[in-house]
Protein backbone atom coordinates (compact mmCIF):
# COMPACT_ATOMS: atom_id res chain seq x y z
CA ALA A 1 -40.55 12.53 -12.17
CA ARG A 2 -39.67 15.87 -10.67
CA GLY A 3 -37.05 17.98 -12.35
CA GLU A 4 -33.97 19.41 -10.67
CA GLU A 5 -35.58 22.82 -10.33
CA GLU A 6 -38.40 21.17 -8.37
CA GLY A 7 -36.08 19.38 -5.98
CA GLY A 8 -36.07 16.22 -8.08
CA PRO A 9 -33.94 13.13 -7.55
CA CYS A 10 -30.77 14.66 -9.05
CA SER A 11 -30.77 17.98 -7.20
CA SER A 12 -27.88 17.22 -4.82
CA VAL A 13 -25.08 14.70 -4.45
CA GLY A 14 -23.19 13.80 -1.29
CA VAL A 15 -19.82 12.08 -1.07
CA LEU A 16 -18.67 10.37 2.13
CA GLY A 17 -14.90 10.19 2.14
CA ALA A 18 -12.41 12.34 0.23
CA GLY A 19 -9.46 10.01 -0.08
CA SER A 20 -7.95 9.16 -3.47
CA VAL A 21 -11.24 7.70 -4.74
CA GLY A 22 -13.70 10.12 -3.14
CA LYS A 23 -11.75 13.21 -4.14
CA ARG A 24 -11.54 12.00 -7.74
CA VAL A 25 -15.33 11.55 -7.76
CA VAL A 26 -15.84 15.11 -6.55
CA GLU A 27 -13.34 16.50 -9.06
CA ASN A 28 -15.22 14.78 -11.88
CA LEU A 29 -18.54 16.10 -10.58
CA VAL A 30 -17.14 19.63 -10.57
CA ARG A 31 -15.65 19.17 -14.02
CA GLY A 32 -18.86 17.70 -15.44
CA GLY A 33 -20.98 20.67 -14.41
CA ARG A 34 -24.19 18.66 -14.04
CA PHE A 35 -24.67 19.65 -10.39
CA PRO A 36 -24.59 23.16 -8.92
CA LEU A 37 -21.38 23.41 -6.91
CA LYS A 38 -23.17 24.39 -3.71
CA GLN A 39 -25.19 21.18 -3.98
CA ILE A 40 -22.12 18.93 -4.06
CA LEU A 41 -21.67 17.95 -0.42
CA VAL A 42 -18.51 16.29 0.89
CA SER A 43 -17.87 14.83 4.35
CA THR A 44 -14.28 13.99 5.21
CA ARG A 45 -12.19 13.60 8.34
CA ARG A 46 -9.56 15.85 6.74
CA PRO A 47 -11.38 18.89 5.28
CA GLU A 48 -8.03 20.66 4.94
CA ASN A 49 -7.04 18.17 2.21
CA VAL A 50 -9.83 19.38 -0.10
CA LYS A 51 -9.54 23.13 0.35
CA ASP A 52 -9.10 23.46 -3.41
CA LEU A 53 -12.58 22.00 -3.97
CA GLU A 54 -14.08 24.11 -1.20
CA ALA A 55 -12.61 27.19 -2.85
CA LYS A 56 -14.52 26.33 -6.02
CA GLY A 57 -17.82 26.30 -4.14
CA VAL A 58 -18.18 22.68 -3.02
CA THR A 59 -19.64 22.26 0.49
CA VAL A 60 -16.99 20.53 2.62
CA CYS A 61 -17.43 19.42 6.23
CA PHE A 62 -16.88 16.53 8.62
CA ASP A 63 -20.51 15.61 9.24
CA ASN A 64 -21.60 12.33 7.65
CA ALA A 65 -25.16 12.64 8.95
CA LYS A 66 -25.62 16.13 7.49
CA VAL A 67 -24.34 15.07 4.06
CA ALA A 68 -26.44 11.89 4.03
CA ALA A 69 -29.58 13.76 5.02
CA GLY A 70 -29.07 16.38 2.31
CA ALA A 71 -28.16 14.11 -0.62
CA ASP A 72 -30.42 12.75 -3.34
CA VAL A 73 -27.47 10.75 -4.64
CA LEU A 74 -25.13 9.50 -1.91
CA VAL A 75 -21.68 8.19 -2.85
CA VAL A 76 -20.02 6.08 -0.16
CA ALA A 77 -16.26 6.21 -0.82
CA CYS A 78 -14.76 5.21 2.51
CA LEU A 79 -12.31 2.38 3.17
CA PRO A 80 -13.82 -1.07 3.89
CA ALA A 81 -12.42 -0.93 7.42
CA HIS A 82 -14.33 2.33 8.08
CA LEU A 83 -17.68 1.26 6.63
CA ASN A 84 -19.27 0.13 9.92
CA ALA A 85 -18.42 3.41 11.63
CA VAL A 86 -19.64 5.48 8.68
CA ALA A 87 -22.85 3.46 8.46
CA SER A 88 -23.61 3.93 12.15
CA SER A 89 -23.17 7.69 11.78
CA ILE A 90 -25.72 7.99 8.93
CA ARG A 91 -28.18 5.24 9.80
CA GLU A 92 -31.79 6.51 9.61
CA LYS A 93 -30.48 9.68 7.92
CA VAL A 94 -30.45 8.51 4.30
CA ARG A 95 -33.49 9.67 2.35
CA GLU A 96 -35.99 7.01 1.32
CA THR A 97 -35.75 8.23 -2.27
CA ALA A 98 -31.95 8.55 -2.32
CA LEU A 99 -29.77 6.50 -4.64
CA VAL A 100 -26.75 5.10 -2.81
CA ILE A 101 -23.65 4.38 -4.90
CA SER A 102 -21.14 2.24 -3.03
CA LEU A 103 -17.47 2.44 -3.97
CA VAL A 104 -16.46 0.34 -0.98
CA ALA A 105 -14.34 -2.50 -2.36
CA GLY A 106 -15.36 -6.06 -1.62
CA VAL A 107 -18.70 -5.22 0.06
CA THR A 108 -21.92 -6.29 -1.67
CA PRO A 109 -24.85 -3.90 -2.22
CA HIS A 110 -26.97 -6.15 0.01
CA ARG A 111 -24.52 -5.71 2.88
CA VAL A 112 -24.34 -1.93 2.37
CA ALA A 113 -28.15 -1.77 2.41
CA GLN A 114 -28.23 -3.75 5.66
CA LEU A 115 -25.69 -1.48 7.33
CA LEU A 116 -27.44 1.72 6.21
CA ARG A 117 -30.90 0.25 6.82
CA VAL A 118 -32.17 1.21 3.39
CA ARG A 119 -33.92 -0.88 0.76
CA PRO A 120 -31.56 -3.10 -1.28
CA GLU A 121 -32.86 -1.60 -4.52
CA GLN A 122 -31.57 1.80 -3.40
CA VAL A 123 -27.94 0.61 -3.49
CA ILE A 124 -25.70 -0.04 -6.47
CA ASN A 125 -21.96 -0.58 -6.44
CA VAL A 126 -19.16 -0.13 -8.93
CA ARG A 127 -17.54 -3.49 -9.62
CA LEU A 128 -13.93 -4.23 -10.42
CA GLY A 129 -13.55 -3.73 -14.15
CA GLY A 130 -16.32 -1.15 -14.41
CA GLU A 131 -20.10 -1.26 -14.09
CA ALA A 132 -20.33 -4.05 -16.67
CA GLY A 133 -17.57 -6.00 -14.95
CA LEU A 134 -14.84 -8.17 -16.42
CA PRO A 135 -15.68 -11.51 -18.05
CA ILE A 136 -16.22 -14.18 -15.40
CA PRO A 137 -13.80 -17.11 -15.87
CA PRO A 138 -15.66 -20.39 -16.43
CA GLU A 139 -13.94 -22.02 -13.44
CA CYS A 140 -15.97 -19.70 -11.17
CA ALA A 141 -19.29 -21.36 -12.14
CA PRO A 142 -19.04 -24.49 -9.95
CA LEU A 143 -17.83 -22.46 -6.96
CA GLU A 144 -20.72 -20.02 -7.36
CA ALA A 145 -23.21 -22.87 -7.67
CA LEU A 146 -21.87 -24.43 -4.48
CA ALA A 147 -22.20 -21.13 -2.62
CA ARG A 148 -25.78 -20.55 -3.78
CA GLY A 149 -26.74 -24.11 -2.93
CA SER A 150 -25.30 -24.18 0.58
CA MET A 151 -25.65 -20.64 1.99
CA PRO A 152 -28.43 -18.18 2.83
CA GLU A 153 -29.08 -15.76 -0.02
CA THR A 154 -27.25 -12.76 1.44
CA ASP A 155 -24.19 -14.81 2.42
CA ALA A 156 -24.22 -16.58 -0.94
CA GLU A 157 -24.16 -13.29 -2.86
CA ALA A 158 -21.25 -12.08 -0.73
CA GLU A 159 -19.38 -15.33 -1.43
CA VAL A 160 -20.07 -15.05 -5.17
CA ASP A 161 -18.67 -11.51 -5.13
CA ARG A 162 -15.58 -12.81 -3.33
CA ILE A 163 -15.09 -15.62 -5.86
CA ARG A 164 -15.37 -13.19 -8.77
CA ASN A 165 -13.07 -10.60 -7.20
CA VAL A 166 -10.42 -13.28 -6.68
CA ALA A 167 -10.75 -14.34 -10.32
CA HIS A 168 -10.44 -10.73 -11.53
CA VAL A 169 -7.35 -10.13 -9.40
CA GLN A 170 -5.71 -13.27 -10.75
CA THR A 171 -6.51 -12.11 -14.29
CA ALA A 172 -4.88 -8.76 -13.53
CA ALA A 173 -1.81 -10.47 -12.05
CA ARG A 174 -1.30 -12.61 -15.16
CA ALA A 175 -1.71 -9.52 -17.35
CA MET A 176 0.84 -7.50 -15.36
CA PHE A 177 3.44 -10.26 -15.14
CA PRO A 178 3.05 -12.36 -18.31
CA ASP A 179 6.66 -13.55 -18.41
CA LEU A 180 9.90 -13.59 -16.46
CA ALA A 181 11.38 -10.67 -18.41
CA THR A 182 8.54 -8.45 -17.20
CA VAL A 183 9.08 -9.62 -13.63
CA LEU A 184 12.77 -8.75 -13.80
CA GLU A 185 12.02 -5.30 -15.25
CA TYR A 186 9.53 -4.68 -12.45
CA GLN A 187 12.09 -5.76 -9.84
CA ASP A 188 14.77 -3.51 -11.30
CA ALA A 189 12.40 -0.53 -11.36
CA LEU A 190 11.61 -1.00 -7.67
CA ALA A 191 15.30 -1.45 -6.90
CA ALA A 192 16.13 1.82 -8.65
CA ALA A 193 13.65 3.56 -6.34
CA ILE A 194 15.24 1.95 -3.26
CA GLU A 195 18.90 2.61 -4.15
CA PRO A 196 18.85 6.32 -3.14
CA LEU A 197 18.20 5.16 0.45
CA GLY A 198 21.89 4.30 0.58
CA MET A 199 22.19 0.69 -0.49
CA GLY A 200 23.90 -0.83 -3.50
CA GLN A 201 22.14 -2.21 -6.55
CA ALA A 202 22.46 -5.86 -5.53
CA THR A 203 21.00 -5.26 -2.07
CA ALA A 204 18.23 -3.06 -3.50
CA ARG A 205 17.30 -5.87 -5.89
CA ASP A 206 17.22 -8.31 -2.95
CA CYS A 207 14.73 -6.03 -1.18
CA ALA A 208 12.62 -5.56 -4.32
CA ALA A 209 12.49 -9.30 -5.01
CA ALA A 210 11.49 -10.00 -1.42
CA GLY A 211 8.69 -7.45 -1.57
CA LEU A 212 7.38 -8.75 -4.89
CA THR A 213 7.34 -12.39 -3.84
CA GLY A 214 6.15 -11.81 -0.28
CA LYS A 215 9.22 -13.47 1.20
CA PRO A 216 11.07 -12.19 4.27
CA CYS A 217 14.28 -10.39 3.38
CA ALA A 218 17.21 -11.24 5.66
CA MET A 219 19.38 -8.12 5.79
CA HIS A 220 22.82 -9.20 6.96
CA VAL A 221 24.19 -6.41 9.13
CA TYR A 222 27.90 -6.02 9.71
CA GLY A 223 28.80 -6.36 13.37
CA GLU A 224 25.55 -8.19 14.15
CA ASN A 225 25.39 -11.39 12.08
CA VAL A 226 28.33 -10.77 9.75
CA ALA A 227 31.83 -10.56 11.16
CA MET A 228 33.60 -7.30 10.43
CA ALA A 229 37.23 -6.85 9.55
CA LEU A 230 39.65 -5.99 12.33
CA ILE A 231 41.06 -2.47 12.17
CA PRO A 232 44.66 -2.02 13.26
CA THR A 233 45.78 0.77 15.58
CA GLY A 234 46.55 4.00 13.76
CA ARG A 235 44.06 3.47 10.93
CA ARG A 236 41.97 6.51 10.04
CA VAL A 237 38.23 5.82 10.26
CA LYS A 238 34.82 7.44 9.96
CA VAL A 239 32.28 7.19 12.79
CA ALA A 240 28.56 7.18 12.01
CA PRO A 241 26.36 9.75 13.81
CA GLY A 242 24.76 8.63 17.07
CA PRO A 243 21.13 9.17 18.14
CA ASN A 244 21.69 12.84 19.04
CA GLU A 245 24.16 13.62 16.26
CA VAL A 246 23.70 14.62 12.65
CA GLN A 247 27.19 14.55 11.15
CA GLU A 248 29.70 11.80 10.49
CA ARG A 249 33.03 12.28 12.30
CA GLU A 250 36.56 11.19 11.49
CA GLY A 251 39.14 9.85 13.89
CA VAL A 252 42.07 7.50 14.41
CA VAL A 253 41.95 4.04 16.01
CA ALA A 254 43.75 4.11 19.36
CA GLY A 255 43.10 0.47 20.16
CA ARG A 256 40.58 -2.36 20.25
CA ILE A 257 38.68 -3.63 23.28
CA GLN A 258 38.32 -7.38 22.95
CA ASP A 259 34.89 -7.91 24.44
CA GLU A 260 31.52 -9.18 23.22
CA ARG A 261 30.56 -5.71 22.03
CA ASP A 262 33.58 -5.54 19.69
CA GLU A 263 34.45 -1.96 20.62
CA TYR A 264 37.29 0.32 19.61
CA MET A 265 38.88 3.33 21.22
CA ILE A 266 38.82 6.15 18.68
CA THR A 267 40.64 9.47 19.01
CA ILE A 268 38.39 12.25 17.68
CA ALA A 269 39.46 15.89 18.04
CA ASP A 270 41.94 15.03 20.83
CA LYS A 271 39.31 13.07 22.75
CA VAL A 272 39.21 9.27 23.07
CA VAL A 273 35.76 7.69 22.76
CA ARG A 274 34.49 4.10 22.74
CA MET A 275 32.66 2.97 19.60
CA LYS A 276 31.10 -0.31 18.50
CA ARG A 277 32.70 -1.73 15.37
CA ASN A 278 29.51 -1.50 13.32
CA ARG A 279 29.52 2.29 13.72
CA ILE A 280 32.98 2.52 12.20
CA THR A 281 33.88 2.53 8.52
CA LEU A 282 37.30 2.88 6.97
CA ALA A 283 38.14 6.41 5.87
CA ASP A 284 40.45 5.06 3.16
CA VAL A 285 38.08 3.49 0.62
CA ASP A 286 40.90 1.56 -1.05
CA ALA A 287 42.10 -0.04 2.20
CA ARG A 288 39.48 -2.63 3.11
CA LEU A 289 41.95 -5.18 4.56
CA GLY A 290 41.18 -7.64 1.80
CA ARG A 291 37.65 -8.26 3.12
CA GLU A 292 34.32 -7.82 1.36
CA PRO A 293 33.55 -4.11 0.86
CA GLU A 294 31.31 -2.58 3.47
CA GLU A 295 28.04 -1.23 2.08
CA GLY A 296 27.05 1.11 4.88
CA PHE A 297 26.39 -1.38 7.64
CA VAL A 298 24.63 -3.89 5.37
CA LYS A 299 26.29 -6.83 3.66
CA ALA A 300 25.98 -6.56 -0.11
CA GLY A 301 23.08 -8.58 -1.53
CA ASP A 302 23.03 -11.19 -4.26
CA GLY A 303 20.96 -9.29 -6.82
CA GLY A 304 17.47 -10.58 -6.13
CA LEU A 305 16.04 -12.46 -9.11
CA ARG A 306 19.22 -11.62 -11.07
CA ALA A 307 21.45 -13.49 -8.61
CA LYS A 308 23.98 -15.61 -10.50
CA GLN A 309 23.27 -18.75 -8.51
CA LEU A 310 19.58 -18.86 -9.46
CA LYS A 311 18.58 -21.50 -12.02
CA ALA A 312 15.52 -21.70 -14.28
CA PRO A 313 13.39 -23.67 -11.74
CA ASP A 314 14.22 -21.09 -9.05
CA LEU A 315 13.06 -18.26 -11.29
CA THR A 316 9.87 -20.10 -12.19
CA ARG A 317 9.06 -20.60 -8.51
CA ALA A 318 9.83 -16.95 -7.84
CA GLN A 319 7.43 -15.85 -10.57
CA GLU A 320 4.71 -18.12 -9.16
CA ALA A 321 5.33 -16.69 -5.68
CA LEU A 322 5.05 -13.17 -7.10
CA LEU A 323 1.65 -13.96 -8.64
CA VAL A 324 0.40 -15.46 -5.38
CA ASN A 325 1.66 -12.48 -3.35
CA PHE A 326 0.20 -9.96 -5.81
CA THR A 327 -3.16 -11.72 -5.62
CA GLN A 328 -3.17 -11.78 -1.82
CA VAL A 329 -2.23 -8.10 -1.55
CA CYS A 330 -4.96 -7.09 -4.00
CA GLU A 331 -7.54 -9.27 -2.29
CA ALA A 332 -6.70 -7.67 1.03
CA SER A 333 -7.12 -4.19 -0.47
CA LEU A 334 -10.51 -5.26 -1.83
CA GLY A 335 -11.59 -6.57 1.55
CA VAL A 336 -11.58 -10.14 0.23
CA LEU A 337 -10.83 -12.56 3.04
CA PRO A 338 -9.52 -16.11 2.47
């Protein structure tokens, strides 16, 4: 075998894609010092996002064909949805002696080889769980046998990869959410991130629970599907900014227009303007007319998975729904189709 100084098989490395995965690969290559910086080639649609690497001496461009033609080791780190386009741009450009490392989730080495029109033995991929992979659950065996016995070889290998990826994702889901207490902690952490958007804790937990379980979240909006309290004439109110405004204004109710739009006449700075009720909040926080407190324009939630009315069976179903949703989201990110 030729050495690096003779232009051997490890003289240059190309990386297609500099997203979160591709950029991390390049950073590790730079840190490892096994390749001369000028021989680390990167092609990305957003070269400006890797200026720090370019400043260190890495060759950065947006030219997939150039990088593929110049690489002895080619790392494909694009998104699954972009693979066809990337493959068409480098087809017939990959060196016959190049090693292709695919980091494209959910796509088999055989399929990558077909798209790039290189020999299958030139392509390896990094599997979920590392190169060695996670242990394959025994329940996968009959499904894999069925696939191999009823499909052409290439399709069968793709189906086997899909079966194993699904199993690995389910293993990860069970590890992340082993019990209800963990689920509740996860919900509360998400809710804490949502609260600064201007909603109360109970509503934030509703949103977090909906996102975790994959269920639609019905946000009850005052003035739309929740009746709002009537405001008597003379009450001081705050008016939310309109489309071309940035500041909240204060005024006094001059009267109510009893129509389907539920509008009020509000005196603001000696001018009388018409406002829909759901743009008006009471200036006096302690005077809510005995009705449920207004939380912005959104009706306060029930607390998600901490709602008082939920019973043990409800929580069990919610946890099961969370595991199913987590699995589906991860499968989609891996390019695994049902």
